[in-house]
Amino acid sequence: MRSQNPLHLILESKGFPEANCHALIVVSPIRRFVSGPWLAWVLNSDYGYNSLLSIKTGALHPHLNCGYLKDLYAPVPPVEEQNEIVRYILIKKSEVDELVLEAHKGISLLKERRSALISAAVTGKIDVRGWEPPVPHTESPRRAATELPV
């Protein structure tokens, strides 16, 4: 498997012990110490990315050497705390995903309305002669004067 990102890691649940190559490393954590989802979030964080970046080798074709992975340090709170943190992250990620979806729907609706307005103007359904852009909001003179540099 080839990847544009030499730092892609997957967490293996079962079935791929010691399977790796320069383009893919499969990690199987000892579950009584490290939760797989926790390790995935750590390794995909800025900290994890920079840690992996610090051990990459190869200038023209960057890759990870399995032998160097053992030298990485990662925060390892108790497993129950790892699971609580992962649950929290997933809840917050879900909230952000919903907001992103809502924003995309809003953008799509605005594009649709823009298109409809242009179409109505071009076909003469609305009269745009004499239209002027709104005057930009200006600050009150009192507030602007208080913000002048001395």
N, C-alpha and C. Protein backbone atom coordinates (compact mmCIF):
# COMPACT_ATOMS: atom_id res chain seq x y z
N MET A 1 0.84 -1.16 0.00
CA MET A 1 0.00 0.00 0.00
C MET A 1 0.89 1.23 0.00
N ARG A 2 0.61 2.18 -0.87
CA ARG A 2 1.34 3.44 -0.94
C ARG A 2 0.46 4.55 -0.38
N SER A 3 1.07 5.52 0.26
CA SER A 3 0.33 6.63 0.82
C SER A 3 1.11 7.90 0.56
N GLN A 4 0.41 9.01 0.37
CA GLN A 4 1.08 10.29 0.22
C GLN A 4 1.69 10.71 1.55
N ASN A 5 1.12 10.27 2.65
CA ASN A 5 1.61 10.64 3.97
C ASN A 5 2.40 9.47 4.54
N PRO A 6 3.71 9.63 4.72
CA PRO A 6 4.52 8.52 5.22
C PRO A 6 4.25 8.20 6.68
N LEU A 7 3.40 8.97 7.33
CA LEU A 7 3.17 8.77 8.76
C LEU A 7 1.83 8.12 9.05
N HIS A 8 1.22 7.49 8.06
CA HIS A 8 -0.05 6.81 8.30
C HIS A 8 0.17 5.56 9.15
N LEU A 9 -0.60 5.45 10.20
CA LEU A 9 -0.57 4.26 11.04
C LEU A 9 -2.00 3.76 11.17
N ILE A 10 -2.16 2.47 11.29
CA ILE A 10 -3.47 1.94 11.62
C ILE A 10 -3.32 1.14 12.89
N LEU A 11 -4.39 1.02 13.62
CA LEU A 11 -4.37 0.22 14.83
C LEU A 11 -5.06 -1.09 14.51
N GLU A 12 -4.39 -2.15 14.79
CA GLU A 12 -4.84 -3.48 14.45
C GLU A 12 -5.60 -4.05 15.64
N SER A 13 -6.76 -4.62 15.38
CA SER A 13 -7.48 -5.25 16.47
C SER A 13 -7.07 -6.70 16.62
N LYS A 14 -7.00 -7.42 15.54
CA LYS A 14 -6.54 -8.82 15.53
C LYS A 14 -6.26 -9.20 14.09
N GLY A 15 -5.35 -10.11 13.89
CA GLY A 15 -5.17 -10.65 12.56
C GLY A 15 -3.99 -10.15 11.77
N PHE A 16 -3.31 -9.10 12.20
CA PHE A 16 -2.16 -8.60 11.45
C PHE A 16 -0.94 -8.43 12.35
N PRO A 17 -0.64 -9.37 13.21
CA PRO A 17 0.51 -9.17 14.08
C PRO A 17 1.80 -9.08 13.28
N GLU A 18 2.63 -8.12 13.61
CA GLU A 18 3.94 -7.90 13.00
C GLU A 18 3.90 -7.64 11.50
N ALA A 19 2.74 -7.28 10.97
CA ALA A 19 2.65 -6.97 9.54
C ALA A 19 2.98 -5.51 9.35
N ASN A 20 4.01 -5.23 8.59
CA ASN A 20 4.35 -3.84 8.30
C ASN A 20 5.25 -3.79 7.09
N CYS A 21 5.38 -2.62 6.56
CA CYS A 21 6.32 -2.34 5.48
C CYS A 21 6.65 -0.87 5.58
N HIS A 22 7.45 -0.36 4.67
CA HIS A 22 7.84 1.04 4.78
C HIS A 22 6.67 2.00 4.59
N ALA A 23 5.56 1.55 4.01
CA ALA A 23 4.42 2.42 3.76
C ALA A 23 3.29 2.22 4.76
N LEU A 24 3.37 1.20 5.58
CA LEU A 24 2.30 0.91 6.53
C LEU A 24 2.88 0.18 7.73
N ILE A 25 2.51 0.65 8.90
CA ILE A 25 2.92 -0.03 10.12
C ILE A 25 1.65 -0.34 10.90
N VAL A 26 1.48 -1.57 11.28
CA VAL A 26 0.33 -2.00 12.05
C VAL A 26 0.75 -2.07 13.51
N VAL A 27 0.00 -1.39 14.37
CA VAL A 27 0.33 -1.34 15.78
C VAL A 27 -0.72 -2.13 16.55
N SER A 28 -0.27 -3.00 17.43
CA SER A 28 -1.18 -3.78 18.26
C SER A 28 -0.84 -3.51 19.73
N PRO A 29 -1.55 -2.57 20.36
CA PRO A 29 -1.21 -2.21 21.74
C PRO A 29 -1.58 -3.32 22.73
N ILE A 30 -0.86 -3.34 23.85
CA ILE A 30 -1.21 -4.25 24.94
C ILE A 30 -2.40 -3.63 25.65
N ARG A 31 -3.55 -4.24 25.49
CA ARG A 31 -4.82 -3.64 25.87
C ARG A 31 -4.99 -3.37 27.37
N ARG A 32 -4.27 -4.05 28.20
CA ARG A 32 -4.44 -3.76 29.63
C ARG A 32 -3.71 -2.47 30.01
N PHE A 33 -2.88 -1.93 29.10
CA PHE A 33 -2.18 -0.68 29.35
C PHE A 33 -2.61 0.45 28.42
N VAL A 34 -2.93 0.09 27.17
CA VAL A 34 -3.23 1.12 26.17
C VAL A 34 -4.45 0.73 25.36
N SER A 35 -5.41 1.63 25.31
CA SER A 35 -6.60 1.44 24.49
C SER A 35 -6.23 1.78 23.04
N GLY A 36 -6.66 0.96 22.10
CA GLY A 36 -6.39 1.22 20.68
C GLY A 36 -6.89 2.57 20.22
N PRO A 37 -8.16 2.93 20.52
CA PRO A 37 -8.64 4.25 20.11
C PRO A 37 -7.83 5.39 20.74
N TRP A 38 -7.42 5.22 21.99
CA TRP A 38 -6.59 6.24 22.65
C TRP A 38 -5.28 6.42 21.88
N LEU A 39 -4.64 5.32 21.56
CA LEU A 39 -3.37 5.40 20.85
C LEU A 39 -3.56 6.04 19.47
N ALA A 40 -4.67 5.72 18.83
CA ALA A 40 -4.95 6.33 17.52
C ALA A 40 -5.08 7.84 17.65
N TRP A 41 -5.80 8.32 18.67
CA TRP A 41 -5.95 9.77 18.85
C TRP A 41 -4.61 10.41 19.20
N VAL A 42 -3.82 9.75 20.02
CA VAL A 42 -2.51 10.30 20.39
C VAL A 42 -1.63 10.41 19.15
N LEU A 43 -1.56 9.34 18.36
CA LEU A 43 -0.69 9.34 17.20
C LEU A 43 -1.18 10.28 16.10
N ASN A 44 -2.48 10.55 16.07
CA ASN A 44 -3.03 11.47 15.07
C ASN A 44 -3.10 12.92 15.57
N SER A 45 -2.65 13.14 16.80
CA SER A 45 -2.61 14.50 17.34
C SER A 45 -1.37 15.21 16.80
N ASP A 46 -1.27 16.50 17.06
CA ASP A 46 -0.07 17.24 16.67
C ASP A 46 1.16 16.63 17.36
N TYR A 47 1.00 16.27 18.63
CA TYR A 47 2.10 15.66 19.36
C TYR A 47 2.55 14.36 18.68
N GLY A 48 1.58 13.50 18.37
CA GLY A 48 1.91 12.23 17.72
C GLY A 48 2.53 12.42 16.36
N TYR A 49 1.94 13.34 15.58
CA TYR A 49 2.46 13.59 14.23
C TYR A 49 3.91 14.06 14.31
N ASN A 50 4.17 15.03 15.19
CA ASN A 50 5.53 15.55 15.31
C ASN A 50 6.49 14.51 15.87
N SER A 51 6.00 13.65 16.75
CA SER A 51 6.84 12.56 17.26
C SER A 51 7.21 11.61 16.13
N LEU A 52 6.24 11.25 15.31
CA LEU A 52 6.50 10.37 14.17
C LEU A 52 7.40 11.06 13.15
N LEU A 53 7.16 12.33 12.94
CA LEU A 53 7.98 13.09 12.01
C LEU A 53 9.44 13.11 12.44
N SER A 54 9.66 13.13 13.76
CA SER A 54 11.03 13.18 14.27
C SER A 54 11.80 11.89 14.03
N ILE A 55 11.10 10.78 13.75
CA ILE A 55 11.81 9.52 13.52
C ILE A 55 11.72 9.04 12.08
N LYS A 56 11.11 9.85 11.20
CA LYS A 56 11.02 9.42 9.80
C LYS A 56 12.41 9.39 9.17
N THR A 57 12.56 8.54 8.21
CA THR A 57 13.82 8.45 7.49
C THR A 57 13.55 8.57 6.00
N GLY A 58 14.59 8.80 5.22
CA GLY A 58 14.45 8.88 3.77
C GLY A 58 14.10 10.28 3.31
N ALA A 59 14.98 10.87 2.51
CA ALA A 59 14.74 12.23 2.03
C ALA A 59 13.81 12.23 0.81
N LEU A 60 14.05 11.36 -0.16
CA LEU A 60 13.23 11.34 -1.36
C LEU A 60 11.92 10.60 -1.17
N HIS A 61 11.96 9.51 -0.40
CA HIS A 61 10.77 8.71 -0.12
C HIS A 61 10.68 8.52 1.39
N PRO A 62 10.13 9.53 2.10
CA PRO A 62 10.07 9.44 3.56
C PRO A 62 9.27 8.23 4.01
N HIS A 63 9.73 7.59 5.05
CA HIS A 63 9.03 6.45 5.62
C HIS A 63 9.42 6.30 7.09
N LEU A 64 8.73 5.40 7.76
CA LEU A 64 9.02 5.11 9.16
C LEU A 64 9.73 3.78 9.25
N ASN A 65 10.70 3.71 10.13
CA ASN A 65 11.40 2.47 10.39
C ASN A 65 10.83 1.89 11.68
N CYS A 66 10.36 0.65 11.59
CA CYS A 66 9.72 0.01 12.75
C CYS A 66 10.63 0.01 13.98
N GLY A 67 11.91 -0.13 13.76
CA GLY A 67 12.84 -0.17 14.88
C GLY A 67 12.84 1.11 15.69
N TYR A 68 12.52 2.22 15.05
CA TYR A 68 12.53 3.50 15.75
C TYR A 68 11.23 3.77 16.52
N LEU A 69 10.17 3.06 16.18
CA LEU A 69 8.89 3.27 16.87
C LEU A 69 8.99 3.00 18.36
N LYS A 70 9.84 2.07 18.74
CA LYS A 70 9.95 1.74 20.16
C LYS A 70 10.52 2.89 20.98
N ASP A 71 11.12 3.86 20.30
CA ASP A 71 11.71 5.01 20.99
C ASP A 71 10.72 6.16 21.19
N LEU A 72 9.49 6.01 20.69
CA LEU A 72 8.49 7.06 20.86
C LEU A 72 7.93 7.04 22.28
N TYR A 73 7.65 8.22 22.77
CA TYR A 73 6.99 8.35 24.06
C TYR A 73 5.58 8.84 23.83
N ALA A 74 4.64 8.30 24.58
CA ALA A 74 3.25 8.72 24.46
C ALA A 74 2.64 8.78 25.86
N PRO A 75 1.75 9.73 26.09
CA PRO A 75 1.08 9.78 27.39
C PRO A 75 0.19 8.56 27.56
N VAL A 76 0.28 7.93 28.72
CA VAL A 76 -0.50 6.71 28.96
C VAL A 76 -1.16 6.79 30.33
N PRO A 77 -2.30 7.51 30.42
CA PRO A 77 -3.05 7.50 31.67
C PRO A 77 -3.68 6.12 31.87
N PRO A 78 -4.30 5.87 33.01
CA PRO A 78 -4.98 4.58 33.21
C PRO A 78 -6.01 4.34 32.09
N VAL A 79 -6.21 3.08 31.75
CA VAL A 79 -7.08 2.72 30.61
C VAL A 79 -8.47 3.33 30.74
N GLU A 80 -9.05 3.32 31.93
CA GLU A 80 -10.39 3.90 32.08
C GLU A 80 -10.38 5.40 31.75
N GLU A 81 -9.33 6.09 32.16
CA GLU A 81 -9.21 7.51 31.83
C GLU A 81 -9.01 7.70 30.32
N GLN A 82 -8.24 6.82 29.70
CA GLN A 82 -8.08 6.87 28.24
C GLN A 82 -9.44 6.76 27.57
N ASN A 83 -10.24 5.79 28.05
CA ASN A 83 -11.57 5.57 27.45
C ASN A 83 -12.48 6.78 27.66
N GLU A 84 -12.41 7.41 28.84
CA GLU A 84 -13.21 8.61 29.10
C GLU A 84 -12.80 9.74 28.17
N ILE A 85 -11.51 9.92 27.97
CA ILE A 85 -11.02 10.98 27.10
C ILE A 85 -11.47 10.72 25.66
N VAL A 86 -11.38 9.48 25.21
CA VAL A 86 -11.81 9.14 23.85
C VAL A 86 -13.30 9.41 23.69
N ARG A 87 -14.11 9.02 24.70
CA ARG A 87 -15.55 9.28 24.63
C ARG A 87 -15.81 10.79 24.51
N TYR A 88 -15.11 11.58 25.31
CA TYR A 88 -15.26 13.03 25.28
C TYR A 88 -14.89 13.58 23.90
N ILE A 89 -13.76 13.12 23.37
CA ILE A 89 -13.33 13.57 22.04
C ILE A 89 -14.38 13.23 21.00
N LEU A 90 -14.92 12.02 21.05
CA LEU A 90 -15.92 11.61 20.06
C LEU A 90 -17.19 12.45 20.16
N ILE A 91 -17.59 12.79 21.39
CA ILE A 91 -18.78 13.65 21.57
C ILE A 91 -18.52 15.02 20.97
N LYS A 92 -17.37 15.60 21.28
CA LYS A 92 -17.04 16.94 20.76
C LYS A 92 -16.87 16.91 19.24
N LYS A 93 -16.25 15.83 18.73
CA LYS A 93 -16.07 15.69 17.28
C LYS A 93 -17.43 15.62 16.60
N SER A 94 -18.36 14.90 17.20
CA SER A 94 -19.71 14.78 16.65
C SER A 94 -20.39 16.15 16.61
N GLU A 95 -20.22 16.94 17.68
CA GLU A 95 -20.80 18.27 17.72
C GLU A 95 -20.22 19.15 16.61
N VAL A 96 -18.91 19.09 16.42
CA VAL A 96 -18.26 19.88 15.38
C VAL A 96 -18.71 19.41 14.00
N ASP A 97 -18.80 18.08 13.82
CA ASP A 97 -19.27 17.54 12.54
C ASP A 97 -20.67 18.05 12.20
N GLU A 98 -21.54 18.13 13.20
CA GLU A 98 -22.90 18.64 12.98
C GLU A 98 -22.86 20.11 12.57
N LEU A 99 -22.00 20.89 13.22
CA LEU A 99 -21.87 22.30 12.87
C LEU A 99 -21.33 22.48 11.45
N VAL A 100 -20.38 21.65 11.08
CA VAL A 100 -19.82 21.71 9.72
C VAL A 100 -20.90 21.37 8.70
N LEU A 101 -21.68 20.34 8.99
CA LEU A 101 -22.77 19.96 8.09
C LEU A 101 -23.78 21.10 7.96
N GLU A 102 -24.11 21.72 9.08
CA GLU A 102 -25.05 22.84 9.06
C GLU A 102 -24.47 24.00 8.24
N ALA A 103 -23.18 24.27 8.39
CA ALA A 103 -22.53 25.34 7.62
C ALA A 103 -22.58 25.03 6.13
N HIS A 104 -22.31 23.77 5.76
CA HIS A 104 -22.35 23.38 4.35
C HIS A 104 -23.76 23.54 3.78
N LYS A 105 -24.77 23.20 4.58
CA LYS A 105 -26.16 23.38 4.13
C LYS A 105 -26.45 24.86 3.92
N GLY A 106 -25.98 25.70 4.84
CA GLY A 106 -26.17 27.15 4.71
C GLY A 106 -25.49 27.70 3.47
N ILE A 107 -24.26 27.24 3.22
CA ILE A 107 -23.52 27.68 2.03
C ILE A 107 -24.26 27.26 0.77
N SER A 108 -24.76 26.04 0.77
CA SER A 108 -25.49 25.55 -0.40
C SER A 108 -26.75 26.37 -0.63
N LEU A 109 -27.46 26.69 0.44
CA LEU A 109 -28.68 27.49 0.33
C LEU A 109 -28.35 28.90 -0.18
N LEU A 110 -27.28 29.49 0.33
CA LEU A 110 -26.88 30.82 -0.14
C LEU A 110 -26.51 30.81 -1.62
N LYS A 111 -25.80 29.77 -2.06
CA LYS A 111 -25.46 29.65 -3.48
C LYS A 111 -26.72 29.53 -4.33
N GLU A 112 -27.67 28.75 -3.84
CA GLU A 112 -28.94 28.57 -4.56
C GLU A 112 -29.69 29.90 -4.66
N ARG A 113 -29.73 30.63 -3.55
CA ARG A 113 -30.43 31.92 -3.54
C ARG A 113 -29.72 32.94 -4.44
N ARG A 114 -28.39 32.92 -4.42
CA ARG A 114 -27.61 33.82 -5.28
C ARG A 114 -27.93 33.54 -6.74
N SER A 115 -27.94 32.25 -7.09
CA SER A 115 -28.22 31.85 -8.46
C SER A 115 -29.63 32.28 -8.86
N ALA A 116 -30.58 32.10 -7.97
CA ALA A 116 -31.97 32.48 -8.26
C ALA A 116 -32.08 34.00 -8.43
N LEU A 117 -31.36 34.76 -7.61
CA LEU A 117 -31.40 36.21 -7.70
C LEU A 117 -30.79 36.69 -9.02
N ILE A 118 -29.68 36.10 -9.39
CA ILE A 118 -29.05 36.46 -10.67
C ILE A 118 -29.98 36.12 -11.82
N SER A 119 -30.58 34.96 -11.77
CA SER A 119 -31.50 34.54 -12.82
C SER A 119 -32.69 35.50 -12.91
N ALA A 120 -33.23 35.88 -11.75
CA ALA A 120 -34.38 36.80 -11.75
C ALA A 120 -33.99 38.16 -12.29
N ALA A 121 -32.78 38.62 -11.98
CA ALA A 121 -32.32 39.92 -12.48
C ALA A 121 -32.10 39.87 -13.99
N VAL A 122 -31.50 38.79 -14.47
CA VAL A 122 -31.20 38.65 -15.90
C VAL A 122 -32.48 38.53 -16.72
N THR A 123 -33.46 37.80 -16.22
CA THR A 123 -34.70 37.59 -16.98
C THR A 123 -35.71 38.72 -16.78
N GLY A 124 -35.37 39.71 -15.95
CA GLY A 124 -36.25 40.86 -15.76
C GLY A 124 -37.36 40.64 -14.76
N LYS A 125 -37.32 39.56 -14.01
CA LYS A 125 -38.36 39.31 -13.00
C LYS A 125 -38.25 40.29 -11.83
N ILE A 126 -37.08 40.83 -11.63
CA ILE A 126 -36.90 41.88 -10.63
C ILE A 126 -36.19 43.04 -11.29
N ASP A 127 -36.49 44.24 -10.84
CA ASP A 127 -35.90 45.44 -11.42
C ASP A 127 -34.70 45.84 -10.56
N VAL A 128 -33.52 45.84 -11.17
CA VAL A 128 -32.31 46.20 -10.44
C VAL A 128 -31.76 47.54 -10.89
N ARG A 129 -32.51 48.25 -11.77
CA ARG A 129 -32.06 49.58 -12.19
C ARG A 129 -32.10 50.50 -10.98
N GLY A 130 -31.06 51.29 -10.84
CA GLY A 130 -31.00 52.23 -9.73
C GLY A 130 -30.54 51.60 -8.42
N TRP A 131 -30.23 50.33 -8.45
CA TRP A 131 -29.77 49.69 -7.21
C TRP A 131 -28.39 50.20 -6.85
N GLU A 132 -28.17 50.46 -5.60
CA GLU A 132 -26.86 50.88 -5.12
C GLU A 132 -26.49 50.00 -3.94
N PRO A 133 -25.20 49.68 -3.83
CA PRO A 133 -24.79 48.85 -2.69
C PRO A 133 -25.04 49.59 -1.38
N PRO A 134 -25.29 48.84 -0.33
CA PRO A 134 -25.54 49.50 0.97
C PRO A 134 -24.30 50.26 1.43
N VAL A 135 -24.55 51.33 2.17
CA VAL A 135 -23.46 52.13 2.71
C VAL A 135 -22.83 51.33 3.85
N PRO A 136 -21.49 51.21 3.82
CA PRO A 136 -20.84 50.45 4.90
C PRO A 136 -21.08 51.11 6.26
N HIS A 137 -21.22 50.30 7.26
CA HIS A 137 -21.43 50.78 8.63
C HIS A 137 -20.18 51.52 9.08
N THR A 138 -20.37 52.72 9.60
CA THR A 138 -19.23 53.46 10.12
C THR A 138 -19.35 53.55 11.62
N GLU A 139 -18.22 53.65 12.26
CA GLU A 139 -18.22 53.75 13.72
C GLU A 139 -18.65 55.14 14.13
N SER A 140 -19.20 55.24 15.32
CA SER A 140 -19.59 56.56 15.81
C SER A 140 -18.33 57.40 16.01
N PRO A 141 -18.40 58.71 15.74
CA PRO A 141 -17.21 59.55 15.87
C PRO A 141 -16.62 59.50 17.28
N ARG A 142 -17.48 59.39 18.28
CA ARG A 142 -16.99 59.35 19.66
C ARG A 142 -16.13 58.12 19.90
N ARG A 143 -16.62 56.96 19.46
CA ARG A 143 -15.85 55.72 19.66
C ARG A 143 -14.55 55.76 18.85
N ALA A 144 -14.63 56.22 17.59
CA ALA A 144 -13.44 56.27 16.75
C ALA A 144 -12.40 57.19 17.36
N ALA A 145 -12.82 58.30 17.94
CA ALA A 145 -11.87 59.25 18.53
C ALA A 145 -11.17 58.65 19.73
N THR A 146 -11.86 57.81 20.48
CA THR A 146 -11.23 57.22 21.67
C THR A 146 -10.22 56.15 21.29
N GLU A 147 -10.26 55.66 20.05
CA GLU A 147 -9.35 54.62 19.63
C GLU A 147 -8.18 55.15 18.82
N LEU A 148 -8.06 56.48 18.70
CA LEU A 148 -6.95 57.05 17.96
C LEU A 148 -5.66 56.86 18.74
N PRO A 149 -4.56 56.57 18.03
CA PRO A 149 -3.28 56.43 18.73
C PRO A 149 -2.85 57.78 19.30
N VAL A 150 -2.18 57.74 20.42
CA VAL A 150 -1.73 58.96 21.08
C VAL A 150 -0.32 59.27 20.69
